[in-house]
Protein backbone atom coordinates (compact mmCIF):
# COMPACT_ATOMS: atom_id res chain seq x y z
CA MET A 1 -173.85 94.98 331.54
CA LEU A 2 -172.63 94.22 335.07
CA ASP A 3 -172.16 90.60 334.14
CA ASN A 4 -169.88 91.57 331.26
CA LEU A 5 -167.76 93.81 333.54
CA MET A 6 -167.42 91.02 336.07
CA LEU A 7 -166.23 88.64 333.34
CA LEU A 8 -163.60 91.15 332.24
CA ASN A 9 -162.24 91.50 335.76
CA VAL A 10 -161.75 87.76 336.22
CA ALA A 11 -158.08 86.83 335.76
CA PRO A 12 -157.48 83.91 333.35
CA THR A 13 -156.16 80.76 334.94
CA ILE A 14 -152.97 79.25 333.47
CA PRO A 15 -152.70 75.47 333.69
CA GLY A 16 -149.66 74.22 335.57
CA VAL A 17 -147.02 72.15 333.77
CA GLU A 18 -144.73 69.79 335.67
CA LEU A 19 -141.41 68.60 334.17
CA ASN A 20 -139.93 65.58 335.88
CA ILE A 21 -136.55 64.36 334.59
CA GLY A 22 -135.41 60.99 335.80
CA GLY A 23 -138.59 60.24 337.67
CA GLY A 24 -140.33 56.91 337.64
CA GLU A 25 -138.97 53.47 337.07
CA GLY A 26 -135.87 53.46 334.89
CA GLY A 27 -135.77 57.27 334.75
CA THR A 28 -132.16 57.49 335.87
CA ALA A 29 -131.03 55.09 333.16
CA VAL A 30 -132.85 57.09 330.48
CA THR A 31 -131.26 60.31 331.74
CA LEU A 32 -127.80 58.79 331.61
CA GLN A 33 -128.44 57.56 328.06
CA LEU A 34 -129.50 61.06 327.01
CA LEU A 35 -126.37 62.55 328.55
CA LEU A 36 -124.24 59.97 326.74
CA MET A 37 -125.95 60.76 323.43
CA LEU A 38 -125.40 64.50 323.92
CA THR A 39 -121.74 63.85 324.70
CA VAL A 40 -121.31 61.79 321.53
CA LEU A 41 -123.01 64.49 319.45
CA SER A 42 -120.72 67.16 320.91
CA LEU A 43 -117.69 65.04 319.99
CA ALA A 44 -118.98 64.26 316.50
CA PRO A 45 -116.76 66.84 314.71
CA ALA A 46 -113.65 65.51 316.45
CA ILE A 47 -114.68 61.93 315.63
CA LEU A 48 -115.20 62.89 311.98
CA ILE A 49 -111.81 64.56 311.71
CA MET A 50 -109.66 62.17 313.74
CA MET A 51 -111.21 58.74 313.11
CA THR A 52 -112.10 58.84 309.40
CA SER A 53 -110.47 59.54 306.06
CA PHE A 54 -111.41 63.24 306.26
CA THR A 55 -107.96 64.46 307.34
CA ARG A 56 -106.07 62.95 304.40
CA ILE A 57 -108.64 64.12 301.85
CA VAL A 58 -108.96 67.72 303.01
CA VAL A 59 -105.18 68.18 303.35
CA VAL A 60 -104.54 66.83 299.84
CA LEU A 61 -107.23 69.03 298.30
CA SER A 62 -105.74 72.03 300.08
CA PHE A 63 -102.33 71.14 298.63
CA VAL A 64 -103.87 71.06 295.15
CA ARG A 65 -105.18 74.60 295.55
CA GLN A 66 -101.85 75.88 296.84
CA ALA A 67 -99.90 74.14 294.08
CA LEU A 68 -102.10 75.74 291.43
CA GLY A 69 -101.66 79.15 293.07
CA THR A 70 -105.30 80.09 292.54
CA GLN A 71 -105.59 81.70 295.99
CA MET A 72 -109.17 80.96 297.16
CA GLN A 73 -110.33 79.00 294.12
CA PRO A 74 -111.99 76.63 294.76
CA PRO A 75 -113.38 78.21 297.95
CA ASN A 76 -113.04 76.61 301.37
CA GLN A 77 -116.72 75.64 301.36
CA VAL A 78 -116.23 73.61 298.19
CA ILE A 79 -113.12 71.87 299.50
CA ILE A 80 -114.78 71.03 302.85
CA GLY A 81 -117.99 69.86 301.15
CA LEU A 82 -116.15 67.67 298.65
CA SER A 83 -114.00 66.26 301.46
CA LEU A 84 -117.10 65.38 303.49
CA PHE A 85 -118.82 63.54 300.65
CA LEU A 86 -115.61 61.70 299.71
CA THR A 87 -115.24 60.75 303.39
CA PHE A 88 -118.76 59.33 303.47
CA PHE A 89 -118.02 57.42 300.27
CA VAL A 90 -114.77 55.95 301.60
CA MET A 91 -116.26 55.16 305.01
CA SER A 92 -119.54 53.73 303.69
CA PRO A 93 -118.48 50.05 304.10
CA VAL A 94 -117.38 50.73 307.68
CA LEU A 95 -120.53 52.70 308.51
CA THR A 96 -122.71 49.99 306.97
CA GLU A 97 -121.02 47.37 309.14
CA VAL A 98 -121.47 49.53 312.25
CA ASN A 99 -125.16 49.92 311.41
CA ASP A 100 -125.64 46.17 310.86
CA ILE A 101 -123.78 44.79 313.88
CA ALA A 102 -124.35 47.55 316.46
CA LEU A 103 -126.93 50.24 315.74
CA GLN A 104 -129.82 48.16 314.46
CA PRO A 105 -129.53 45.43 317.15
CA TYR A 106 -129.37 48.14 319.82
CA LEU A 107 -132.46 49.92 318.47
CA ALA A 108 -134.25 46.57 318.35
CA GLY A 109 -133.40 45.96 322.01
CA GLU A 110 -131.25 42.92 321.28
CA MET A 111 -128.13 44.22 323.06
CA GLU A 112 -127.15 46.63 325.82
CA GLN A 113 -125.64 50.04 325.23
CA GLU A 114 -122.11 49.07 326.35
CA GLU A 115 -122.09 46.04 324.07
CA ALA A 116 -123.37 48.11 321.14
CA ILE A 117 -120.57 50.67 321.63
CA ASP A 118 -117.94 47.90 321.70
CA LYS A 119 -119.40 46.37 318.54
CA ALA A 120 -119.46 49.76 316.79
CA LEU A 121 -115.85 50.53 317.67
CA SER A 122 -114.52 47.28 316.23
CA PRO A 123 -114.94 48.20 312.49
CA MET A 124 -113.62 51.71 313.18
CA LYS A 125 -110.53 50.28 314.86
CA GLU A 126 -109.93 47.92 311.94
CA PHE A 127 -110.10 50.81 309.47
CA MET A 128 -107.74 52.98 311.51
CA ALA A 129 -105.28 50.15 312.18
CA LYS A 130 -105.18 49.32 308.47
CA ASN A 131 -104.12 52.89 307.65
CA THR A 132 -101.75 53.41 310.60
CA ARG A 133 -98.00 52.93 310.31
CA GLU A 134 -96.47 50.47 312.73
CA GLN A 135 -93.84 52.93 313.93
CA ASP A 136 -96.47 55.57 314.73
CA LEU A 137 -98.50 53.07 316.71
CA ALA A 138 -95.36 51.77 318.44
CA LEU A 139 -94.52 55.34 319.50
CA PHE A 140 -97.71 55.76 321.51
CA VAL A 141 -97.66 52.21 322.83
CA LYS A 142 -94.12 52.78 324.11
CA TYR A 143 -94.97 56.16 325.62
CA ALA A 144 -98.01 54.69 327.41
CA LYS A 145 -95.78 51.87 328.73
CA MET A 146 -98.20 49.26 327.46
CA GLU A 147 -97.48 45.69 326.57
CA LYS A 148 -97.45 44.89 322.89
CA PRO A 149 -101.09 44.31 321.88
CA GLU A 150 -101.89 40.92 320.41
CA SER A 151 -104.95 42.10 318.48
CA ILE A 152 -106.62 45.30 317.31
CA ASP A 153 -109.29 45.04 319.99
CA GLU A 154 -106.62 45.33 322.69
CA ILE A 155 -105.46 48.74 321.39
CA PRO A 156 -107.22 51.57 323.28
CA LEU A 157 -108.62 54.48 321.32
CA THR A 158 -106.39 56.90 323.23
CA THR A 159 -103.43 55.18 321.58
CA LEU A 160 -104.84 54.30 318.17
CA VAL A 161 -106.46 57.65 317.29
CA PRO A 162 -103.33 59.88 317.54
CA ALA A 163 -101.22 57.24 315.77
CA PHE A 164 -103.79 57.12 312.97
CA ALA A 165 -103.89 60.94 312.76
CA ILE A 166 -100.16 61.44 312.30
CA SER A 167 -100.04 58.55 309.80
CA GLU A 168 -102.77 60.26 307.79
CA LEU A 169 -100.87 63.55 307.86
CA LYS A 170 -97.68 61.87 306.62
CA THR A 171 -99.54 60.16 303.76
CA ALA A 172 -101.30 63.41 302.84
CA PHE A 173 -98.00 65.32 302.76
CA GLN A 174 -96.43 62.63 300.57
CA ILE A 175 -99.28 62.95 298.07
CA GLY A 176 -99.05 66.75 298.31
CA PHE A 177 -95.35 66.68 297.46
CA MET A 178 -96.05 64.66 294.32
CA ILE A 179 -98.71 67.19 293.36
CA PHE A 180 -96.36 70.16 293.82
CA VAL A 181 -93.53 68.82 291.63
CA PRO A 182 -95.01 69.38 288.12
CA PHE A 183 -96.31 72.86 289.01
CA LEU A 184 -92.94 73.78 290.52
CA ILE A 185 -91.26 72.81 287.26
CA ILE A 186 -93.62 75.11 285.34
CA ASP A 187 -92.81 77.99 287.71
CA MET A 188 -89.06 77.42 287.28
CA VAL A 189 -89.29 77.27 283.49
CA VAL A 190 -91.37 80.43 283.28
CA SER A 191 -89.07 82.25 285.71
CA SER A 192 -85.98 81.25 283.70
CA ILE A 193 -87.54 82.43 280.44
CA LEU A 194 -88.52 85.79 281.94
CA MET A 195 -85.02 86.32 283.33
CA ALA A 196 -83.46 85.42 279.98
CA MET A 197 -85.70 87.99 278.31
CA GLY A 198 -84.73 90.63 280.85
CA MET A 199 -88.26 90.91 282.25
CA MET A 200 -87.21 90.72 285.88
CA MET A 201 -89.90 93.12 287.13
CA LEU A 202 -92.74 90.92 285.86
CA PRO A 203 -93.92 88.41 288.53
CA PRO A 204 -93.57 84.87 287.12
CA ILE A 205 -96.86 83.80 288.76
CA ILE A 206 -98.82 86.00 286.36
CA ILE A 207 -97.46 84.06 283.38
CA SER A 208 -97.24 80.60 284.93
CA LEU A 209 -100.75 80.53 286.46
CA PRO A 210 -102.63 80.14 283.12
CA PHE A 211 -100.22 77.40 282.05
CA LYS A 212 -100.66 75.52 285.33
CA ILE A 213 -104.44 75.72 285.06
CA LEU A 214 -104.27 74.60 281.41
CA LEU A 215 -102.06 71.63 282.31
CA PHE A 216 -104.33 70.67 285.19
CA VAL A 217 -107.40 70.76 282.95
CA LEU A 218 -105.76 68.86 280.07
CA VAL A 219 -104.67 65.96 282.28
CA ASP A 220 -108.09 65.91 284.02
CA GLY A 221 -106.46 66.76 287.33
CA TRP A 222 -109.46 66.52 289.64
CA HIS A 223 -110.23 63.04 288.37
CA LEU A 224 -106.64 61.93 288.95
CA ILE A 225 -106.48 63.46 292.42
CA VAL A 226 -109.73 61.87 293.58
CA GLU A 227 -108.78 58.55 292.01
CA SER A 228 -105.45 58.60 293.85
CA LEU A 229 -107.18 59.41 297.13
CA LEU A 230 -109.74 56.63 296.78
CA PHE A 231 -107.17 53.99 295.86
CA SER A 232 -104.90 55.11 298.70
CA PHE A 233 -107.43 53.66 301.14
CA LYS A 234 -107.51 50.22 299.52
């Protein structure tokens, strides 16, 4: 009985755990690599928005919803999700090239981290330069007081990314304008008919909305919009 009481009074011992970050040979380099990876992951949303086709796609799809006048249909989640998958589809050749020439050699230990980053940026720069207007790029080059670059590799990301972004916005607004025109005509026709009938108190949107949706469905609007977006990146 005494033995059991003595066992109960003995405090349990907790094993000590030591956490050493950056210790040992090459520990500092590993720590810096982890910090760099965390930085890249934190900037991933900005990279997705500013360096891919996402901006043009999501703006055009938002214009479609506004032109139809369906308020929140389709919902924001659907528009963002569709934009993401269309972005992955458009960017798949670029991402495949980045994986082949940079990521896989780096994981295999065939190149250093700095070289892998330079190799990965090259396809991204080519994609952005292909879809950037010369006058937009010239604006930032002039403001930065740089010499005229001889090749795409000489253009820094701080210059190419904003030029690419405003070029994408201009292209998206041009496509959005073309989308608005047929629906605007329907609104004007319906409004004129209602005024001619003396029904001035009836909001034209109530009558025109079903006709706009019917027109959009009959011409297979979503197919045409997505087709136009995909071919705009050729």
